[in-house]
């Protein structure tokens, strides 16, 4: 039957550059479908359009309104085919309304130079057995975020105090991460992983759904099999909005994906 994630991002070619999708209810958080999962569906459609350049390198998405479980269409178009990368655009729509619009650069990650020079620091996570499984999240969090059942993530206890009403106030959440059914990571799943953990505002004592306004993802390399390390951080909440920076490191200790998103201050599900 294959893996759940692959089934849930599946697309059917409907016409030139347009694909039909069925957004799965298991990826709901708060008032709509998780933005990272929706981005992976778009990424899958773009991969089909890009052909011989199958990997997302840079994707910038604007979330115009909340997506919901059920049928959707993804209309793609190629803007430019360069020597090594292709630039594309995509629009995800439901019920005749545009929900997400995105621009993307696709290429072949395996063909990139293998030199790495970085000042980024891999998250220092305790061993898996000393981290807190996502199943221990408060009942109200599990209720508004069914998508948490799609993952197996183990939170660093230093930044998990929000689960018992004692947030650290650092604006950080970090965890070991993998899909619940053991599917190994790849460039498309990284688009989802960048938006998979609870909003970093939980660590500021502000639980609740935090709708994404814009998310830019950079995929830097094909991830190695095994557990990922994921770190979210914010430095500024102002005007009812906050930025969330994410890094994803693979099992070899390589930084394989980065993102920044701008999101609205958390709100209750009842608040819309």
C-alpha atoms as a PDB file:
ATOM      1  CA  UNK A   1       0.000   0.000   0.000  1.00  0.00           C
ATOM      2  CA  UNK A   2       3.000   2.297   0.282  1.00  0.00           C
ATOM      3  CA  UNK A   3       3.534   5.052   2.801  1.00  0.00           C
ATOM      4  CA  UNK A   4       0.825   7.335   4.145  1.00  0.00           C
ATOM      5  CA  UNK A   5       2.654  10.538   3.184  1.00  0.00           C
ATOM      6  CA  UNK A   6       3.046   9.448  -0.443  1.00  0.00           C
ATOM      7  CA  UNK A   7      -0.636   8.551  -0.670  1.00  0.00           C
ATOM      8  CA  UNK A   8      -1.651  11.858   0.865  1.00  0.00           C
ATOM      9  CA  UNK A   9       0.378  14.021  -1.535  1.00  0.00           C
ATOM     10  CA  UNK A  10      -0.665  12.028  -4.585  1.00  0.00           C
ATOM     11  CA  UNK A  11      -1.760  14.040  -7.609  1.00  0.00           C
ATOM     12  CA  UNK A  12      -3.562  13.181 -10.846  1.00  0.00           C
ATOM     13  CA  UNK A  13      -2.755  14.970 -14.084  1.00  0.00           C
ATOM     14  CA  UNK A  14      -5.951  16.693 -15.212  1.00  0.00           C
ATOM     15  CA  UNK A  15      -4.793  19.010 -18.029  1.00  0.00           C
ATOM     16  CA  UNK A  16      -1.701  20.886 -19.186  1.00  0.00           C
ATOM     17  CA  UNK A  17       0.110  21.792 -15.982  1.00  0.00           C
ATOM     18  CA  UNK A  18      -2.969  21.248 -13.806  1.00  0.00           C
ATOM     19  CA  UNK A  19      -3.310  18.469 -11.260  1.00  0.00           C
ATOM     20  CA  UNK A  20      -6.087  17.158  -9.051  1.00  0.00           C
ATOM     21  CA  UNK A  21      -5.384  16.388  -5.394  1.00  0.00           C
ATOM     22  CA  UNK A  22      -7.378  15.215  -2.401  1.00  0.00           C
ATOM     23  CA  UNK A  23      -6.147  16.866   0.805  1.00  0.00           C
ATOM     24  CA  UNK A  24      -6.264  14.303   3.595  1.00  0.00           C
ATOM     25  CA  UNK A  25      -8.078  15.104   6.883  1.00  0.00           C
ATOM     26  CA  UNK A  26      -5.227  13.683   8.967  1.00  0.00           C
ATOM     27  CA  UNK A  27      -3.148  16.820   8.307  1.00  0.00           C
ATOM     28  CA  UNK A  28      -5.499  19.310   9.945  1.00  0.00           C
ATOM     29  CA  UNK A  29      -4.217  21.769  12.539  1.00  0.00           C
ATOM     30  CA  UNK A  30      -6.422  24.414  14.066  1.00  0.00           C
ATOM     31  CA  UNK A  31      -8.705  25.870  11.436  1.00  0.00           C
ATOM     32  CA  UNK A  32      -7.272  24.224   8.330  1.00  0.00           C
ATOM     33  CA  UNK A  33      -4.765  21.951   6.637  1.00  0.00           C
ATOM     34  CA  UNK A  34      -1.158  22.249   7.823  1.00  0.00           C
ATOM     35  CA  UNK A  35       0.768  24.644   5.585  1.00  0.00           C
ATOM     36  CA  UNK A  36       3.779  22.355   5.253  1.00  0.00           C
ATOM     37  CA  UNK A  37       1.650  19.432   4.077  1.00  0.00           C
ATOM     38  CA  UNK A  38      -0.134  21.682   1.553  1.00  0.00           C
ATOM     39  CA  UNK A  39       3.270  22.903   0.371  1.00  0.00           C
ATOM     40  CA  UNK A  40       4.385  19.295  -0.150  1.00  0.00           C
ATOM     41  CA  UNK A  41       1.294  18.654  -2.313  1.00  0.00           C
ATOM     42  CA  UNK A  42       2.182  21.727  -4.373  1.00  0.00           C
ATOM     43  CA  UNK A  43       5.808  20.571  -4.435  1.00  0.00           C
ATOM     44  CA  UNK A  44       4.756  17.195  -5.801  1.00  0.00           C
ATOM     45  CA  UNK A  45       2.814  18.856  -8.626  1.00  0.00           C
ATOM     46  CA  UNK A  46       5.775  21.113  -9.421  1.00  0.00           C
ATOM     47  CA  UNK A  47       8.063  18.080  -9.450  1.00  0.00           C
ATOM     48  CA  UNK A  48       5.875  16.486 -12.099  1.00  0.00           C
ATOM     49  CA  UNK A  49       5.940  19.672 -14.200  1.00  0.00           C
ATOM     50  CA  UNK A  50       9.718  20.155 -13.766  1.00  0.00           C
ATOM     51  CA  UNK A  51      10.495  16.720 -15.230  1.00  0.00           C
ATOM     52  CA  UNK A  52      14.244  16.107 -15.242  1.00  0.00           C
ATOM     53  CA  UNK A  53      14.742  18.657 -12.457  1.00  0.00           C
ATOM     54  CA  UNK A  54      12.779  16.922  -9.711  1.00  0.00           C
ATOM     55  CA  UNK A  55      13.979  18.612  -6.542  1.00  0.00           C
ATOM     56  CA  UNK A  56      12.713  21.779  -4.852  1.00  0.00           C
ATOM     57  CA  UNK A  57      15.588  24.154  -4.181  1.00  0.00           C
ATOM     58  CA  UNK A  58      13.694  27.303  -3.217  1.00  0.00           C
ATOM     59  CA  UNK A  59       9.940  27.618  -2.727  1.00  0.00           C
ATOM     60  CA  UNK A  60       8.134  30.746  -1.536  1.00  0.00           C
ATOM     61  CA  UNK A  61       4.428  30.385  -0.774  1.00  0.00           C
ATOM     62  CA  UNK A  62       1.754  32.892   0.206  1.00  0.00           C
ATOM     63  CA  UNK A  63      -1.207  31.509   2.129  1.00  0.00           C
ATOM     64  CA  UNK A  64      -4.259  33.463   0.988  1.00  0.00           C
ATOM     65  CA  UNK A  65      -6.873  31.534   2.960  1.00  0.00           C
ATOM     66  CA  UNK A  66      -7.129  28.287   4.896  1.00  0.00           C
ATOM     67  CA  UNK A  67      -7.161  25.021   2.963  1.00  0.00           C
ATOM     68  CA  UNK A  68      -9.512  22.274   4.139  1.00  0.00           C
ATOM     69  CA  UNK A  69      -9.681  18.502   3.675  1.00  0.00           C
ATOM     70  CA  UNK A  70     -11.074  17.426   0.323  1.00  0.00           C
ATOM     71  CA  UNK A  71     -10.596  18.019  -3.402  1.00  0.00           C
ATOM     72  CA  UNK A  72      -8.160  20.660  -4.632  1.00  0.00           C
ATOM     73  CA  UNK A  73      -6.465  21.607  -7.871  1.00  0.00           C
ATOM     74  CA  UNK A  74      -2.868  22.692  -8.366  1.00  0.00           C
ATOM     75  CA  UNK A  75      -2.247  24.716 -11.522  1.00  0.00           C
ATOM     76  CA  UNK A  76       1.447  24.958 -12.448  1.00  0.00           C
ATOM     77  CA  UNK A  77       3.333  26.814 -15.143  1.00  0.00           C
ATOM     78  CA  UNK A  78       6.968  26.997 -16.154  1.00  0.00           C
ATOM     79  CA  UNK A  79       8.349  30.526 -16.123  1.00  0.00           C
ATOM     80  CA  UNK A  80      11.894  29.815 -17.270  1.00  0.00           C
ATOM     81  CA  UNK A  81      14.138  26.857 -17.995  1.00  0.00           C
ATOM     82  CA  UNK A  82      17.754  27.763 -17.336  1.00  0.00           C
ATOM     83  CA  UNK A  83      20.930  25.793 -17.755  1.00  0.00           C
ATOM     84  CA  UNK A  84      20.636  23.970 -14.429  1.00  0.00           C
ATOM     85  CA  UNK A  85      17.390  25.104 -12.787  1.00  0.00           C
ATOM     86  CA  UNK A  86      13.774  25.681 -13.746  1.00  0.00           C
ATOM     87  CA  UNK A  87      11.605  28.455 -12.309  1.00  0.00           C
ATOM     88  CA  UNK A  88       7.944  27.633 -11.873  1.00  0.00           C
ATOM     89  CA  UNK A  89       4.741  29.011 -10.385  1.00  0.00           C
ATOM     90  CA  UNK A  90       1.809  27.196  -8.806  1.00  0.00           C
ATOM     91  CA  UNK A  91      -1.639  28.002  -7.451  1.00  0.00           C
ATOM     92  CA  UNK A  92      -3.619  25.698  -5.187  1.00  0.00           C
ATOM     93  CA  UNK A  93      -7.384  26.257  -5.340  1.00  0.00           C
ATOM     94  CA  UNK A  94     -10.463  24.815  -3.664  1.00  0.00           C
ATOM     95  CA  UNK A  95     -14.115  25.512  -4.414  1.00  0.00           C
ATOM     96  CA  UNK A  96     -13.125  27.985  -7.092  1.00  0.00           C
ATOM     97  CA  UNK A  97     -11.030  30.062  -4.696  1.00  0.00           C
ATOM     98  CA  UNK A  98      -7.265  30.442  -4.727  1.00  0.00           C
ATOM     99  CA  UNK A  99      -5.815  29.262  -1.397  1.00  0.00           C
ATOM    100  CA  UNK A 100      -2.032  29.276  -1.882  1.00  0.00           C
ATOM    101  CA  UNK A 101       0.191  30.812  -4.537  1.00  0.00           C
ATOM    102  CA  UNK A 102       3.856  29.887  -4.872  1.00  0.00           C
ATOM    103  CA  UNK A 103       7.027  30.530  -6.855  1.00  0.00           C
ATOM    104  CA  UNK A 104       9.709  27.860  -6.966  1.00  0.00           C
ATOM    105  CA  UNK A 105      13.140  26.969  -8.292  1.00  0.00           C
ATOM    106  CA  UNK A 106      13.684  23.284  -9.098  1.00  0.00           C
ATOM    107  CA  UNK A 107      16.836  21.440 -10.014  1.00  0.00           C
ATOM    108  CA  UNK A 108      18.740  18.222  -9.335  1.00  0.00           C
ATOM    109  CA  UNK A 109      20.203  18.258  -5.826  1.00  0.00           C
ATOM    110  CA  UNK A 110      22.394  15.232  -6.529  1.00  0.00           C
ATOM    111  CA  UNK A 111      24.174  17.251  -9.209  1.00  0.00           C
ATOM    112  CA  UNK A 112      25.202  20.123  -6.949  1.00  0.00           C
ATOM    113  CA  UNK A 113      28.818  20.565  -5.730  1.00  0.00           C
ATOM    114  CA  UNK A 114      29.449  18.651  -2.506  1.00  0.00           C
ATOM    115  CA  UNK A 115      31.545  21.296  -0.737  1.00  0.00           C
ATOM    116  CA  UNK A 116      30.097  22.544   2.560  1.00  0.00           C
ATOM    117  CA  UNK A 117      31.300  25.636   4.414  1.00  0.00           C
ATOM    118  CA  UNK A 118      28.964  26.718   7.183  1.00  0.00           C
ATOM    119  CA  UNK A 119      28.885  28.541  10.473  1.00  0.00           C
ATOM    120  CA  UNK A 120      25.519  26.983  11.333  1.00  0.00           C
ATOM    121  CA  UNK A 121      25.525  24.751  14.402  1.00  0.00           C
ATOM    122  CA  UNK A 122      23.696  21.435  14.566  1.00  0.00           C
ATOM    123  CA  UNK A 123      21.118  21.384  17.398  1.00  0.00           C
ATOM    124  CA  UNK A 124      22.460  19.774  20.554  1.00  0.00           C
ATOM    125  CA  UNK A 125      19.641  17.374  21.378  1.00  0.00           C
ATOM    126  CA  UNK A 126      19.624  14.873  24.249  1.00  0.00           C
ATOM    127  CA  UNK A 127      19.532  11.194  23.242  1.00  0.00           C
ATOM    128  CA  UNK A 128      16.203   9.963  21.886  1.00  0.00           C
ATOM    129  CA  UNK A 129      15.360   8.099  25.065  1.00  0.00           C
ATOM    130  CA  UNK A 130      15.740  11.286  27.119  1.00  0.00           C
ATOM    131  CA  UNK A 131      13.425  13.367  24.908  1.00  0.00           C
ATOM    132  CA  UNK A 132       9.653  13.646  25.272  1.00  0.00           C
ATOM    133  CA  UNK A 133       7.479  11.876  22.688  1.00  0.00           C
ATOM    134  CA  UNK A 134       4.811  13.898  20.908  1.00  0.00           C
ATOM    135  CA  UNK A 135       2.192  11.538  22.340  1.00  0.00           C
ATOM    136  CA  UNK A 136       2.757  13.279  25.691  1.00  0.00           C
ATOM    137  CA  UNK A 137       1.481  16.614  24.361  1.00  0.00           C
ATOM    138  CA  UNK A 138      -1.494  18.070  26.240  1.00  0.00           C
ATOM    139  CA  UNK A 139      -4.909  16.753  25.207  1.00  0.00           C
ATOM    140  CA  UNK A 140      -6.016  20.156  23.915  1.00  0.00           C
ATOM    141  CA  UNK A 141      -3.001  20.283  21.583  1.00  0.00           C
ATOM    142  CA  UNK A 142      -3.681  16.784  20.247  1.00  0.00           C
ATOM    143  CA  UNK A 143      -7.321  17.751  19.740  1.00  0.00           C
ATOM    144  CA  UNK A 144      -6.609  20.783  17.553  1.00  0.00           C
ATOM    145  CA  UNK A 145      -3.696  19.130  15.737  1.00  0.00           C
ATOM    146  CA  UNK A 146      -4.565  15.657  14.383  1.00  0.00           C
ATOM    147  CA  UNK A 147      -1.490  15.950  12.163  1.00  0.00           C
ATOM    148  CA  UNK A 148       0.683  15.154  15.199  1.00  0.00           C
ATOM    149  CA  UNK A 149      -0.348  11.524  14.756  1.00  0.00           C
ATOM    150  CA  UNK A 150       1.420  11.547  11.377  1.00  0.00           C
ATOM    151  CA  UNK A 151       4.804  12.052  13.057  1.00  0.00           C
ATOM    152  CA  UNK A 152       7.061  10.562  15.658  1.00  0.00           C
ATOM    153  CA  UNK A 153       8.909  13.476  17.182  1.00  0.00           C
ATOM    154  CA  UNK A 154      10.794  13.619  20.462  1.00  0.00           C
ATOM    155  CA  UNK A 155      11.005  17.082  22.003  1.00  0.00           C
ATOM    156  CA  UNK A 156      14.017  18.469  23.811  1.00  0.00           C
ATOM    157  CA  UNK A 157      12.855  18.707  27.460  1.00  0.00           C
ATOM    158  CA  UNK A 158      14.620  22.073  27.822  1.00  0.00           C
ATOM    159  CA  UNK A 159      12.016  23.611  25.486  1.00  0.00           C
ATOM    160  CA  UNK A 160       8.996  21.431  26.227  1.00  0.00           C
ATOM    161  CA  UNK A 161       7.853  23.070  29.470  1.00  0.00           C
ATOM    162  CA  UNK A 162       4.920  24.632  27.620  1.00  0.00           C
ATOM    163  CA  UNK A 163       3.282  21.196  27.691  1.00  0.00           C
ATOM    164  CA  UNK A 164       2.890  21.502  31.481  1.00  0.00           C
ATOM    165  CA  UNK A 165       2.280  25.235  31.613  1.00  0.00           C
ATOM    166  CA  UNK A 166       5.918  26.194  32.124  1.00  0.00           C
ATOM    167  CA  UNK A 167       7.286  27.575  28.824  1.00  0.00           C
ATOM    168  CA  UNK A 168      10.964  28.498  28.805  1.00  0.00           C
ATOM    169  CA  UNK A 169      10.336  31.891  27.188  1.00  0.00           C
ATOM    170  CA  UNK A 170      13.296  31.334  24.840  1.00  0.00           C
ATOM    171  CA  UNK A 171      11.217  31.133  21.678  1.00  0.00           C
ATOM    172  CA  UNK A 172      12.690  27.757  20.710  1.00  0.00           C
ATOM    173  CA  UNK A 173      11.270  24.302  20.001  1.00  0.00           C
ATOM    174  CA  UNK A 174      13.552  21.504  18.835  1.00  0.00           C
ATOM    175  CA  UNK A 175      13.093  17.781  18.407  1.00  0.00           C
ATOM    176  CA  UNK A 176      14.119  14.551  16.783  1.00  0.00           C
ATOM    177  CA  UNK A 177      11.702  13.923  13.906  1.00  0.00           C
ATOM    178  CA  UNK A 178      10.535  11.219  11.523  1.00  0.00           C
ATOM    179  CA  UNK A 179       7.289  10.168   9.893  1.00  0.00           C
ATOM    180  CA  UNK A 180       5.232   7.796  12.028  1.00  0.00           C
ATOM    181  CA  UNK A 181       5.269   4.923   9.521  1.00  0.00           C
ATOM    182  CA  UNK A 182       9.040   5.038   9.100  1.00  0.00           C
ATOM    183  CA  UNK A 183       9.098   6.584   5.613  1.00  0.00           C
ATOM    184  CA  UNK A 184      12.554   7.990   4.999  1.00  0.00           C
ATOM    185  CA  UNK A 185      12.929  11.725   4.304  1.00  0.00           C
ATOM    186  CA  UNK A 186      13.371  13.147   0.812  1.00  0.00           C
ATOM    187  CA  UNK A 187      13.364  16.679  -0.657  1.00  0.00           C
ATOM    188  CA  UNK A 188       9.555  16.819  -1.005  1.00  0.00           C
ATOM    189  CA  UNK A 189       8.923  15.611   2.552  1.00  0.00           C
ATOM    190  CA  UNK A 190      11.343  18.276   3.803  1.00  0.00           C
ATOM    191  CA  UNK A 191       8.856  20.927   2.617  1.00  0.00           C
ATOM    192  CA  UNK A 192       6.391  19.467   5.108  1.00  0.00           C
ATOM    193  CA  UNK A 193       8.951  18.948   7.863  1.00  0.00           C
ATOM    194  CA  UNK A 194       9.821  22.651   7.879  1.00  0.00           C
ATOM    195  CA  UNK A 195       6.323  23.384   9.216  1.00  0.00           C
ATOM    196  CA  UNK A 196       5.658  20.226  11.220  1.00  0.00           C
ATOM    197  CA  UNK A 197       6.439  21.071  14.841  1.00  0.00           C
ATOM    198  CA  UNK A 198       4.078  23.069  17.081  1.00  0.00           C
ATOM    199  CA  UNK A 199       4.387  26.845  16.571  1.00  0.00           C
ATOM    200  CA  UNK A 200       7.443  28.221  18.331  1.00  0.00           C
ATOM    201  CA  UNK A 201       5.131  30.624  20.181  1.00  0.00           C
ATOM    202  CA  UNK A 202       4.130  27.697  22.415  1.00  0.00           C
ATOM    203  CA  UNK A 203       7.513  28.216  24.091  1.00  0.00           C
ATOM    204  CA  UNK A 204       6.513  31.846  24.723  1.00  0.00           C
ATOM    205  CA  UNK A 205       3.428  30.761  26.644  1.00  0.00           C
ATOM    206  CA  UNK A 206       1.120  31.421  23.696  1.00  0.00           C
ATOM    207  CA  UNK A 207      -0.526  28.135  22.639  1.00  0.00           C
ATOM    208  CA  UNK A 208      -2.996  27.999  19.782  1.00  0.00           C
ATOM    209  CA  UNK A 209      -3.231  27.881  16.022  1.00  0.00           C
ATOM    210  CA  UNK A 210      -0.826  30.288  14.289  1.00  0.00           C
ATOM    211  CA  UNK A 211      -1.891  30.751  10.627  1.00  0.00           C
ATOM    212  CA  UNK A 212       1.005  31.137   8.194  1.00  0.00           C
ATOM    213  CA  UNK A 213       1.025  34.211   5.967  1.00  0.00           C
ATOM    214  CA  UNK A 214       4.178  33.438   3.972  1.00  0.00           C
ATOM    215  CA  UNK A 215       6.778  30.662   4.044  1.00  0.00           C
ATOM    216  CA  UNK A 216      10.057  30.468   2.132  1.00  0.00           C
ATOM    217  CA  UNK A 217      11.812  27.110   2.068  1.00  0.00           C
ATOM    218  CA  UNK A 218      15.356  26.325   0.932  1.00  0.00           C
ATOM    219  CA  UNK A 219      16.223  22.666   0.379  1.00  0.00           C
ATOM    220  CA  UNK A 220      20.004  22.326   0.486  1.00  0.00           C
ATOM    221  CA  UNK A 221      20.656  18.605   0.000  1.00  0.00           C
ATOM    222  CA  UNK A 222      19.055  15.194  -0.312  1.00  0.00           C
ATOM    223  CA  UNK A 223      18.662  14.006   3.297  1.00  0.00           C
ATOM    224  CA  UNK A 224      20.269  10.786   4.462  1.00  0.00           C
ATOM    225  CA  UNK A 225      17.983   8.069   5.884  1.00  0.00           C
ATOM    226  CA  UNK A 226      17.230   8.154   9.575  1.00  0.00           C
ATOM    227  CA  UNK A 227      16.055  10.591  12.214  1.00  0.00           C
ATOM    228  CA  UNK A 228      16.087  14.307  11.460  1.00  0.00           C
ATOM    229  CA  UNK A 229      16.851  17.091  13.913  1.00  0.00           C
ATOM    230  CA  UNK A 230      14.427  20.025  13.593  1.00  0.00           C
ATOM    231  CA  UNK A 231      14.808  23.397  15.311  1.00  0.00           C
ATOM    232  CA  UNK A 232      12.344  26.298  15.274  1.00  0.00           C
ATOM    233  CA  UNK A 233      13.199  29.706  16.728  1.00  0.00           C
ATOM    234  CA  UNK A 234      11.780  33.226  16.780  1.00  0.00           C
ATOM    235  CA  UNK A 235      13.289  36.543  17.824  1.00  0.00           C
ATOM    236  CA  UNK A 236      10.428  38.943  17.335  1.00  0.00           C
ATOM    237  CA  UNK A 237       6.684  38.959  17.939  1.00  0.00           C
ATOM    238  CA  UNK A 238       5.154  42.346  17.126  1.00  0.00           C
ATOM    239  CA  UNK A 239       2.049  43.727  15.501  1.00  0.00           C
ATOM    240  CA  UNK A 240       0.238  40.442  15.985  1.00  0.00           C
ATOM    241  CA  UNK A 241       2.788  38.557  13.866  1.00  0.00           C
ATOM    242  CA  UNK A 242       6.003  36.604  14.436  1.00  0.00           C
ATOM    243  CA  UNK A 243       8.730  35.096  12.290  1.00  0.00           C
ATOM    244  CA  UNK A 244       9.691  31.466  12.669  1.00  0.00           C
ATOM    245  CA  UNK A 245      13.072  30.244  11.432  1.00  0.00           C
ATOM    246  CA  UNK A 246      13.532  26.517  10.955  1.00  0.00           C
ATOM    247  CA  UNK A 247      16.553  24.313  10.321  1.00  0.00           C
ATOM    248  CA  UNK A 248      16.469  20.611   9.470  1.00  0.00           C
ATOM    249  CA  UNK A 249      19.584  18.472   9.917  1.00  0.00           C
ATOM    250  CA  UNK A 250      19.876  14.874   8.715  1.00  0.00           C
ATOM    251  CA  UNK A 251      21.367  11.818  10.408  1.00  0.00           C
ATOM    252  CA  UNK A 252      24.858  12.618   9.070  1.00  0.00           C
ATOM    253  CA  UNK A 253      24.833  16.048  10.722  1.00  0.00           C
ATOM    254  CA  UNK A 254      24.263  17.982   7.486  1.00  0.00           C
ATOM    255  CA  UNK A 255      21.955  21.005   7.253  1.00  0.00           C
ATOM    256  CA  UNK A 256      19.506  19.843   4.563  1.00  0.00           C
ATOM    257  CA  UNK A 257      16.698  22.427   4.721  1.00  0.00           C
ATOM    258  CA  UNK A 258      15.980  25.903   6.063  1.00  0.00           C
ATOM    259  CA  UNK A 259      12.925  28.121   6.132  1.00  0.00           C
ATOM    260  CA  UNK A 260      11.538  31.389   7.396  1.00  0.00           C
ATOM    261  CA  UNK A 261       7.855  32.036   7.728  1.00  0.00           C
ATOM    262  CA  UNK A 262       5.742  34.938   8.884  1.00  0.00           C
ATOM    263  CA  UNK A 263       2.690  33.873  10.864  1.00  0.00           C
ATOM    264  CA  UNK A 264      -0.099  35.467  12.826  1.00  0.00           C
ATOM    265  CA  UNK A 265      -0.073  35.454  16.612  1.00  0.00           C
ATOM    266  CA  UNK A 266      -1.754  32.272  17.886  1.00  0.00           C
ATOM    267  CA  UNK A 267      -5.509  32.228  18.018  1.00  0.00           C
ATOM    268  CA  UNK A 268      -8.040  29.753  19.287  1.00  0.00           C
ATOM    269  CA  UNK A 269      -9.741  27.378  16.877  1.00  0.00           C
ATOM    270  CA  UNK A 270     -13.039  28.980  17.812  1.00  0.00           C
ATOM    271  CA  UNK A 271     -11.589  32.384  16.890  1.00  0.00           C
ATOM    272  CA  UNK A 272     -11.215  31.299  13.244  1.00  0.00           C
END
